[in-house]
Protein backbone atom coordinates (compact mmCIF):
# COMPACT_ATOMS: atom_id res chain seq x y z
CA MET A 1 -153.34 -25.46 26.47
CA LYS A 2 -153.11 -28.89 29.43
CA LYS A 3 -151.31 -26.82 31.67
CA VAL A 4 -153.85 -23.51 31.31
CA LEU A 5 -157.08 -26.38 31.62
CA SER A 6 -154.76 -28.06 34.86
CA LEU A 7 -154.13 -24.23 36.70
CA VAL A 8 -157.86 -23.67 36.00
CA LEU A 9 -159.06 -27.23 38.03
CA CYS A 10 -156.46 -26.45 40.17
CA HIS A 11 -157.95 -22.84 41.22
CA LEU A 12 -161.29 -24.19 41.33
CA SER A 13 -160.17 -26.87 43.57
CA LEU A 14 -158.86 -23.94 45.85
CA ALA A 15 -161.54 -22.04 45.70
CA ALA A 16 -163.81 -24.50 46.96
CA LEU A 17 -161.17 -24.77 49.83
CA ALA A 18 -161.54 -20.84 50.62
CA LEU A 19 -165.25 -20.90 50.56
CA ALA A 20 -165.08 -23.75 52.90
CA ALA A 21 -162.56 -21.98 55.13
CA ALA A 22 -165.02 -19.05 54.87
CA ALA A 23 -168.29 -20.95 55.69
CA ALA A 24 -166.90 -22.25 58.42
CA GLU A 25 -166.02 -18.96 60.33
CA PRO A 26 -168.48 -17.32 62.31
CA GLN A 27 -169.73 -13.54 60.06
CA THR A 28 -170.73 -11.71 62.76
CA ASN A 29 -170.70 -8.15 61.71
CA ALA A 30 -169.73 -9.17 57.91
CA VAL A 31 -170.49 -8.12 54.73
CA SER A 32 -170.58 -9.32 51.35
CA MET A 33 -168.67 -7.74 48.70
CA THR A 34 -167.25 -8.86 44.96
CA LEU A 35 -163.85 -7.60 43.90
CA ALA A 36 -165.70 -5.40 41.21
CA GLN A 37 -167.94 -3.57 44.17
CA ALA A 38 -164.75 -3.19 46.13
CA SER A 39 -163.47 -1.32 43.40
CA GLU A 40 -166.50 0.93 43.09
CA ARG A 41 -166.27 1.42 46.65
CA ALA A 42 -163.10 2.64 46.37
CA LEU A 43 -163.12 5.19 43.55
CA GLY A 44 -165.97 6.32 45.90
CA THR A 45 -164.41 6.87 49.32
CA ASP A 46 -160.84 6.62 48.52
CA GLN A 47 -158.95 9.57 49.91
CA SER A 48 -155.93 9.51 46.86
CA ILE A 49 -158.81 9.75 44.61
CA ALA A 50 -159.78 12.88 46.58
CA ILE A 51 -156.71 14.34 46.80
CA ALA A 52 -155.82 13.55 43.10
CA LEU A 53 -159.25 15.52 42.17
CA ALA A 54 -158.81 18.31 43.86
CA GLU A 55 -155.20 18.95 42.35
CA THR A 56 -157.02 18.88 38.84
CA GLN A 57 -159.18 21.21 39.67
CA LYS A 58 -156.36 23.51 41.73
CA ALA A 59 -154.74 23.48 38.16
CA LYS A 60 -157.63 24.99 36.00
CA LEU A 61 -157.43 28.01 38.61
CA LEU A 62 -153.99 28.82 37.00
CA THR A 63 -155.38 29.50 33.17
CA TRP A 64 -157.63 32.27 35.24
CA GLY A 65 -154.37 33.21 36.71
CA ALA A 66 -152.60 34.16 33.25
CA ALA A 67 -156.06 35.53 32.03
CA THR A 68 -156.23 37.74 35.05
CA ARG A 69 -152.93 39.24 33.92
CA MET A 70 -154.85 41.56 31.37
CA GLY A 71 -157.55 42.49 33.53
CA PRO A 72 -158.20 46.17 34.43
CA GLN A 73 -156.84 47.75 37.78
CA LEU A 74 -159.07 50.00 39.68
CA THR A 75 -157.85 51.49 42.60
CA GLY A 76 -159.19 54.40 44.60
CA ASN A 77 -157.24 56.88 47.28
CA ALA A 78 -158.72 59.37 50.11
CA GLY A 79 -157.24 61.91 51.73
CA TYR A 80 -157.03 64.46 54.66
CA THR A 81 -154.29 67.08 55.49
CA ALA A 82 -154.88 69.14 59.07
CA PRO A 83 -155.86 72.46 59.50
CA GLU A 84 -152.79 74.66 58.03
CA ARG A 85 -152.48 78.49 58.30
CA ASP A 86 -153.17 80.08 55.24
CA ILE A 87 -151.92 83.70 55.07
CA THR A 88 -152.42 83.99 51.54
CA SER A 89 -156.27 84.66 52.66
CA PRO A 90 -157.67 87.95 51.93
CA THR A 91 -159.45 88.05 55.01
CA GLY A 92 -156.02 87.45 56.99
CA PRO A 93 -154.49 84.41 58.48
CA VAL A 94 -156.97 81.64 58.74
CA LEU A 95 -157.14 77.66 59.59
CA VAL A 96 -157.34 75.46 56.60
CA SER A 97 -157.80 71.62 55.83
CA THR A 98 -157.83 69.91 52.90
CA LYS A 99 -160.01 67.09 51.26
CA SER A 100 -159.13 64.89 48.56
CA ALA A 101 -160.08 61.72 46.82
CA ASN A 102 -158.95 59.71 43.27
CA ILE A 103 -159.60 56.93 41.66
CA SER A 104 -157.50 55.40 38.72
CA LEU A 105 -158.20 52.71 36.26
CA VAL A 106 -155.12 50.55 34.81
CA GLN A 107 -156.29 48.37 31.35
CA PRO A 108 -153.37 46.58 30.19
CA LEU A 109 -153.71 46.51 26.89
CA LEU A 110 -150.17 43.92 25.59
CA ASP A 111 -148.45 41.89 27.97
CA LEU A 112 -146.16 39.19 26.09
CA SER A 113 -145.78 36.99 29.91
CA VAL A 114 -149.91 36.50 28.99
CA PHE A 115 -149.52 33.66 26.40
CA ALA A 116 -146.60 31.89 27.90
CA ALA A 117 -148.14 31.73 31.00
CA TYR A 118 -152.13 30.71 29.61
CA ARG A 119 -150.05 27.95 28.18
CA ALA A 120 -148.33 26.80 30.94
CA GLY A 121 -151.83 26.33 32.77
CA LYS A 122 -153.12 24.46 30.09
CA LEU A 123 -150.50 21.89 30.37
CA THR A 124 -150.82 21.98 34.21
CA ILE A 125 -154.49 21.23 33.92
CA GLU A 126 -153.62 17.99 31.38
CA GLU A 127 -150.96 16.98 33.98
CA ALA A 128 -153.27 17.24 36.75
CA ARG A 129 -155.60 15.36 34.69
CA LEU A 130 -153.45 12.15 33.95
CA GLY A 131 -152.21 12.14 37.55
CA TYR A 132 -155.45 11.80 38.24
CA ARG A 133 -155.97 8.49 36.05
CA SER A 134 -152.90 7.48 37.29
CA ALA A 135 -154.38 7.32 41.31
CA VAL A 136 -157.10 5.96 40.23
CA ARG A 137 -155.27 2.82 38.59
CA ASN A 138 -153.27 2.83 41.81
CA ILE A 139 -155.92 2.42 44.01
CA LEU A 140 -157.85 -0.16 41.92
CA PHE A 141 -154.48 -1.90 42.41
CA GLY A 142 -154.15 -1.52 45.78
CA VAL A 143 -157.71 -3.08 46.42
CA THR A 144 -156.64 -5.97 44.32
CA GLN A 145 -154.11 -6.83 46.39
CA ALA A 146 -155.61 -6.58 49.32
CA TYR A 147 -158.75 -8.51 48.07
CA TYR A 148 -156.45 -11.18 46.30
CA ASP A 149 -154.59 -11.39 50.08
CA VAL A 150 -157.67 -12.30 51.76
CA LEU A 151 -158.40 -15.03 49.60
CA LYS A 152 -154.55 -16.38 50.23
CA GLN A 153 -154.99 -15.98 53.92
CA GLN A 154 -158.32 -17.88 53.76
CA SER A 155 -156.51 -20.33 51.46
CA VAL A 156 -153.90 -20.81 53.86
CA VAL A 157 -156.60 -21.15 57.15
CA ALA A 158 -158.26 -24.09 55.22
CA VAL A 159 -154.70 -26.03 54.38
CA SER A 160 -153.60 -25.81 58.33
CA GLU A 161 -157.13 -26.76 59.57
CA GLN A 162 -156.66 -29.88 56.92
CA THR A 163 -153.45 -30.65 58.36
CA LEU A 164 -154.14 -29.98 61.74
CA ARG A 165 -156.67 -32.77 61.36
CA LEU A 166 -154.49 -35.20 59.64
CA ALA A 167 -151.52 -34.84 62.39
CA ARG A 168 -154.17 -35.39 65.39
CA GLU A 169 -155.84 -38.31 63.14
CA GLN A 170 -152.06 -39.40 63.37
CA LEU A 171 -151.43 -38.80 67.20
CA GLY A 172 -154.57 -40.99 67.80
CA LEU A 173 -153.41 -44.08 65.46
CA ALA A 174 -149.48 -43.51 67.23
CA GLU A 175 -151.49 -43.34 70.99
CA ARG A 176 -153.40 -46.96 69.43
CA ARG A 177 -150.35 -48.81 68.38
CA TYR A 178 -148.45 -47.37 71.53
CA SER A 179 -151.04 -48.71 73.66
CA VAL A 180 -151.08 -52.11 72.27
CA GLY A 181 -147.53 -52.26 72.08
CA VAL A 182 -146.81 -52.87 68.50
CA ALA A 183 -145.02 -49.24 68.47
CA VAL A 184 -142.81 -46.98 71.04
CA LYS A 185 -143.84 -44.24 72.93
CA THR A 186 -141.60 -42.13 70.60
CA ASP A 187 -143.88 -42.36 68.16
CA ALA A 188 -146.35 -41.09 69.89
CA LEU A 189 -144.61 -37.90 71.52
CA ARG A 190 -143.64 -37.25 67.78
CA ALA A 191 -147.09 -36.90 66.57
CA ARG A 192 -148.18 -34.98 69.57
CA VAL A 193 -145.37 -32.58 69.01
CA GLN A 194 -146.61 -32.58 65.05
CA ALA A 195 -150.14 -31.94 65.60
CA GLU A 196 -149.43 -29.27 68.61
CA GLN A 197 -147.36 -27.59 65.95
CA ALA A 198 -150.15 -27.94 63.30
CA HIS A 199 -152.28 -26.05 66.21
CA ARG A 200 -150.03 -23.10 66.33
CA ASP A 201 -149.53 -22.64 62.76
CA LEU A 202 -153.79 -22.63 62.12
CA ILE A 203 -153.50 -19.95 64.86
CA ASP A 204 -151.00 -18.08 63.23
CA ALA A 205 -153.16 -18.81 59.87
CA GLN A 206 -156.20 -17.42 61.46
CA ASN A 207 -154.50 -13.99 62.46
CA ALA A 208 -152.94 -13.48 58.94
CA LEU A 209 -156.78 -13.97 57.56
CA GLN A 210 -158.18 -11.19 60.44
CA LEU A 211 -154.97 -8.61 59.53
CA ALA A 212 -155.69 -8.88 55.95
CA ARG A 213 -159.27 -8.34 56.59
CA THR A 214 -158.33 -5.23 58.63
CA VAL A 215 -156.18 -4.10 55.81
CA LEU A 216 -158.93 -4.24 53.29
CA GLY A 217 -161.27 -2.86 55.76
CA ASN A 218 -159.04 0.44 55.50
CA VAL A 219 -158.34 0.16 52.42
CA LEU A 220 -162.47 0.76 51.35
CA ASN A 221 -162.86 2.78 54.54
CA LEU A 222 -165.47 0.19 55.94
CA GLY A 223 -163.10 0.25 59.34
CA ALA A 224 -160.86 -2.24 60.89
CA ASP A 225 -163.54 -4.10 63.21
CA ARG A 226 -165.57 -4.75 59.85
CA GLU A 227 -165.40 -8.23 58.45
CA ILE A 228 -165.32 -8.52 54.80
CA ALA A 229 -166.66 -12.06 52.85
CA VAL A 230 -164.63 -12.51 49.67
CA SER A 231 -165.26 -14.63 46.76
CA ASP A 232 -162.74 -15.61 44.12
CA PRO A 233 -163.51 -13.12 41.07
CA PRO A 234 -163.77 -14.60 37.27
CA TRP A 235 -160.18 -16.25 36.29
CA HIS A 236 -157.68 -13.80 34.66
CA ALA A 237 -156.34 -14.64 30.97
CA PRO A 238 -152.97 -15.30 31.09
CA SER A 239 -151.36 -12.63 28.54
CA LYS A 240 -149.79 -13.94 25.16
CA GLU A 241 -147.47 -10.50 24.51
CA THR A 242 -143.79 -10.32 24.33
CA PHE A 243 -142.06 -7.82 26.23
CA GLU A 244 -141.18 -5.92 23.41
CA ALA A 245 -144.90 -5.24 23.16
CA LEU A 246 -145.74 -4.71 26.30
CA GLU A 247 -142.95 -1.90 26.90
CA LYS A 248 -144.74 -0.68 23.90
CA VAL A 249 -147.44 -0.52 25.12
CA ALA A 250 -146.21 0.93 28.56
CA PHE A 251 -145.01 3.89 27.45
CA GLU A 252 -147.90 4.84 25.33
CA ARG A 253 -150.70 4.33 27.80
CA ARG A 254 -148.60 5.16 30.93
CA GLU A 255 -149.96 7.90 32.47
CA ASP A 256 -147.09 8.88 34.57
CA PHE A 257 -144.83 8.75 31.34
CA LEU A 258 -147.04 11.38 29.58
CA ALA A 259 -147.60 13.71 32.27
CA GLY A 260 -143.60 13.52 32.50
CA LYS A 261 -143.36 14.55 28.77
CA LEU A 262 -146.07 17.80 29.80
CA ALA A 263 -144.29 18.42 32.75
CA ILE A 264 -140.77 19.30 30.38
CA ASN A 265 -143.20 21.73 28.52
CA GLU A 266 -144.76 23.25 31.34
CA ARG A 267 -141.26 24.19 32.75
CA GLU A 268 -140.57 25.48 29.03
CA GLU A 269 -143.42 27.52 29.27
CA GLU A 270 -142.75 29.01 32.33
CA HIS A 271 -138.92 30.12 31.30
CA ASN A 272 -140.76 32.08 28.84
CA VAL A 273 -143.19 33.38 30.87
CA VAL A 274 -139.65 35.21 32.57
CA ARG A 275 -138.40 35.80 29.15
CA ALA A 276 -141.54 37.69 28.57
CA GLN A 277 -141.26 39.69 31.44
CA TYR A 278 -138.31 42.05 29.55
CA GLY A 279 -140.87 42.99 26.88
CA PRO A 280 -142.18 46.04 26.67
CA ARG A 281 -146.14 46.41 28.42
CA LEU A 282 -148.77 48.77 26.94
CA VAL A 283 -151.60 49.83 29.68
CA GLY A 284 -154.15 52.55 29.18
CA THR A 285 -154.88 54.31 32.20
CA PHE A 286 -157.66 56.67 33.30
CA SER A 287 -157.58 58.59 36.37
CA TYR A 288 -160.75 61.38 38.60
CA GLY A 289 -159.52 63.54 41.02
CA TRP A 290 -161.93 65.73 43.47
CA ILE A 291 -160.26 68.11 46.17
CA ASP A 292 -161.35 70.53 48.69
CA PRO A 293 -160.32 73.63 49.09
CA GLU A 294 -158.60 73.14 45.01
CA THR A 295 -155.70 75.61 44.48
CA GLN A 296 -154.35 77.09 41.26
CA SER A 297 -151.99 74.08 40.61
CA VAL A 298 -154.04 71.37 41.55
CA LYS A 299 -157.87 71.46 40.15
CA ASN A 300 -161.15 69.85 41.37
CA ASP A 301 -163.29 67.69 39.57
CA PHE A 302 -160.38 66.87 37.11
CA TRP A 303 -159.34 63.79 35.17
CA ASN A 304 -156.84 62.53 32.50
CA ALA A 305 -156.14 59.58 30.60
CA GLY A 306 -153.66 57.96 28.55
CA VAL A 307 -151.59 55.04 27.09
CA ALA A 308 -148.34 54.21 28.70
CA VAL A 309 -145.80 52.10 27.25
CA GLN A 310 -143.61 50.74 30.62
CA MET A 311 -140.14 49.31 29.86
CA PRO A 312 -138.49 47.47 33.01
CA PHE A 313 -135.08 48.32 32.72
CA PHE A 314 -134.20 46.61 35.94
CA THR A 315 -136.26 44.80 38.57
CA GLY A 316 -133.87 44.52 41.48
CA GLY A 317 -132.33 40.85 39.66
CA GLN A 318 -135.12 39.04 40.50
CA ARG A 319 -135.98 38.17 36.63
CA GLU A 320 -132.70 36.86 36.36
CA VAL A 321 -133.00 34.65 39.44
CA ASP A 322 -136.00 33.30 38.32
CA LEU A 323 -134.76 32.67 34.21
CA LYS A 324 -132.04 30.43 36.12
CA ARG A 325 -134.30 28.48 38.78
CA THR A 326 -137.03 27.75 35.25
CA THR A 327 -133.71 26.73 33.32
CA ILE A 328 -132.10 24.33 36.02
CA GLU A 329 -136.30 23.06 36.45
CA THR A 330 -136.49 22.09 32.82
CA SER A 331 -133.18 20.32 32.86
CA GLU A 332 -134.52 18.25 36.11
CA ALA A 333 -137.52 17.45 34.42
CA LYS A 334 -135.85 15.93 31.37
CA LEU A 335 -133.89 14.03 33.97
CA ARG A 336 -136.45 12.63 35.90
CA GLN A 337 -138.43 11.85 32.58
CA GLU A 338 -135.14 9.81 31.35
CA SER A 339 -135.09 8.09 34.61
CA LEU A 340 -138.96 7.10 34.32
CA GLU A 341 -138.57 6.22 31.17
CA LYS A 342 -135.68 2.92 32.53
CA SER A 343 -138.14 2.38 35.37
CA ILE A 344 -140.64 1.61 33.87
CA GLN A 345 -138.29 -0.60 31.45
CA GLU A 346 -137.21 -2.55 34.19
CA ASP A 347 -141.10 -2.61 35.82
CA VAL A 348 -142.10 -4.01 32.54
CA ARG A 349 -139.72 -6.34 32.47
CA ALA A 350 -139.75 -7.32 35.97
CA ALA A 351 -143.44 -8.27 36.14
CA TRP A 352 -142.90 -10.42 33.11
CA LEU A 353 -140.51 -12.50 34.13
CA ASN A 354 -142.00 -12.82 37.44
CA LEU A 355 -145.07 -14.17 35.49
CA HIS A 356 -143.69 -16.59 33.63
CA ALA A 357 -141.63 -17.94 36.78
CA LEU A 358 -145.29 -18.37 38.37
CA GLU A 359 -146.67 -20.37 35.47
CA GLN A 360 -143.43 -22.43 35.64
CA SER A 361 -143.50 -22.91 39.49
CA LEU A 362 -147.53 -23.38 39.35
CA ALA A 363 -147.14 -26.40 37.17
CA ALA A 364 -143.86 -27.88 39.09
CA LEU A 365 -145.89 -27.35 42.55
CA ARG A 366 -148.88 -29.02 40.96
CA ALA A 367 -146.73 -32.21 40.14
CA GLN A 368 -145.41 -31.65 43.60
CA LEU A 369 -148.71 -31.77 45.32
CA ASP A 370 -149.56 -34.59 43.51
CA ALA A 371 -146.18 -36.31 44.46
CA ALA A 372 -146.46 -35.40 48.47
CA GLU A 373 -150.17 -36.26 48.51
CA GLU A 374 -149.39 -39.96 46.85
CA ASN A 375 -146.25 -40.38 49.57
CA TYR A 376 -148.36 -39.25 52.67
CA LYS A 377 -150.52 -42.00 51.65
CA ASN A 378 -148.16 -44.99 51.00
CA LEU A 379 -146.46 -44.04 54.11
CA GLN A 380 -149.57 -43.57 56.35
CA SER A 381 -150.55 -47.23 55.25
CA GLN A 382 -146.67 -47.91 55.52
CA TYR A 383 -147.43 -46.81 59.28
CA ARG A 384 -150.34 -48.33 60.17
CA ALA A 385 -148.85 -51.95 58.73
CA GLY A 386 -145.80 -51.56 60.92
CA THR A 387 -143.33 -50.99 58.25
CA ALA A 388 -142.58 -47.01 58.29
CA THR A 389 -142.00 -44.69 61.26
CA SER A 390 -143.95 -42.23 62.99
CA LEU A 391 -141.30 -39.80 61.36
CA ASP A 392 -141.72 -41.17 58.53
CA VAL A 393 -145.64 -39.41 58.41
CA MET A 394 -144.32 -36.86 60.00
CA THR A 395 -142.17 -35.92 57.80
CA ALA A 396 -144.54 -36.95 54.64
CA LEU A 397 -146.81 -34.44 56.55
CA ASN A 398 -145.44 -31.97 56.60
CA ASP A 399 -144.26 -32.29 53.14
CA LEU A 400 -148.13 -32.26 52.12
CA ASN A 401 -148.81 -29.35 54.20
CA SER A 402 -145.93 -26.99 52.47
CA ALA A 403 -146.73 -28.30 48.92
CA ARG A 404 -150.59 -27.53 49.56
CA LYS A 405 -149.83 -23.73 50.91
CA ASP A 406 -147.28 -23.27 48.01
CA LEU A 407 -149.67 -23.75 45.38
CA MET A 408 -152.74 -22.03 46.91
CA THR A 409 -150.60 -19.03 47.67
CA GLN A 410 -149.16 -18.90 44.40
CA THR A 411 -152.04 -19.33 42.21
CA TYR A 412 -153.30 -15.92 43.79
CA ASP A 413 -150.22 -14.70 43.40
CA TYR A 414 -150.02 -15.73 39.40
CA GLN A 415 -153.40 -13.83 39.17
CA ILE A 416 -151.79 -10.59 41.04
CA GLY A 417 -148.83 -11.05 38.77
CA LEU A 418 -151.47 -11.48 35.49
CA GLN A 419 -153.30 -7.53 36.87
CA ASN A 420 -149.36 -6.02 38.10
CA LEU A 421 -148.45 -6.79 34.67
CA GLU A 422 -151.51 -4.35 33.40
CA ARG A 423 -150.75 -2.05 35.89
CA VAL A 424 -147.07 -1.55 35.20
CA THR A 425 -148.35 -1.36 31.11
CA GLY A 426 -150.93 1.49 32.12
CA VAL A 427 -153.81 -0.39 31.10
CA PHE A 428 -155.15 -2.05 34.79
CA GLN A 429 -158.63 -1.86 35.33
CA ASP A 430 -159.14 0.22 31.21
CA PRO A 431 -163.12 0.01 31.13
CA LEU A 432 -163.70 1.30 34.71
CA VAL A 433 -160.91 4.06 34.31
CA GLU A 434 -162.34 5.18 30.51
CA LYS A 435 -165.98 4.64 32.47
CA LEU A 436 -164.75 7.32 35.17
CA LYS A 437 -165.54 10.74 34.70
CA THR A 438 -162.65 12.67 33.98
CA PRO A 439 -162.40 16.04 35.54
């Protein structure tokens, strides 16, 4: 409990520093946005989500395509024969041209491949739906990462500004002590070097912050030149689940894992479609013909109807090729699923271990920062009294600067780590994903 309370207090102090740094910067052409608002905007503007939605719409066409195999086929033909000499005419040889037309209707009555094709289409629809949900989660996590990166860089800028202020104070003190002859010139020169280095670090931190804002603006389709004012989201509660429990949740909830299972069944149904092509096909036929002039062998206004059984004995080997292809594709789908299962185990393990490492690291960094602050204050007082050198103070300031930066960055890394653990287990932003209208 003390550990969590310490982390919360640390988080609040970091938030105050980050807000102070943000308030100190000019916010021209800026838009204020919370993480929840950024996530909502991403759902409506991100191209990857729109592509995943289009894939679900394409998948729905497959069941219609399977149904069309049982649809009627209506064809028409027309012909014209150039004038020819007809020597059988009673009046002697004459030139005769022939005009003809024919309309044919074929209605499939039985096609064994329809059922497997329809089942394959339904599986593809469900696979696309799961892919859509997975894309939504990944995009939302990308927004979260970009958002926290801006917060992290704001904190680094705040620390760099504090370090520069302290370095300039030390520079002023060293120059005053040198001017009255109680310190050597080396002290003043070292202090100036430290101040200039702190100034360079601040410039780098400001550039990194600007880049982070650009990335967030592009992720949200606001444009690279649009600055976004961010604020700290609510503190994310630590996970208390064991690795085994989290792994079980991942296999039950991860959309890519569930889609992989469907992909195997889909390939098997496609294999069944090819196998069904070896079976007979029953069709009903109707045709009507017109010819002018009619002949003894071909009458005008002639129609016929019937039922035919089509048995494809040989189709040039295409069925055999398709059968082999679908067999290989089914094996590939099973291998991909096995590989994905191992990858999920590794993802969950890595996220879980990273989170526990960050928890322990934060406690150590808090203690390190307390020691660095006390050491800097003591050495600064000793330098004023003439019992410490400028080098000692500069070393202590570097230690203090590193401790502050490390604590701030790892505090935000810890928050991202908590949410990354939810991502790899398939429950990240569950309320928002469930609320989203799934096609």
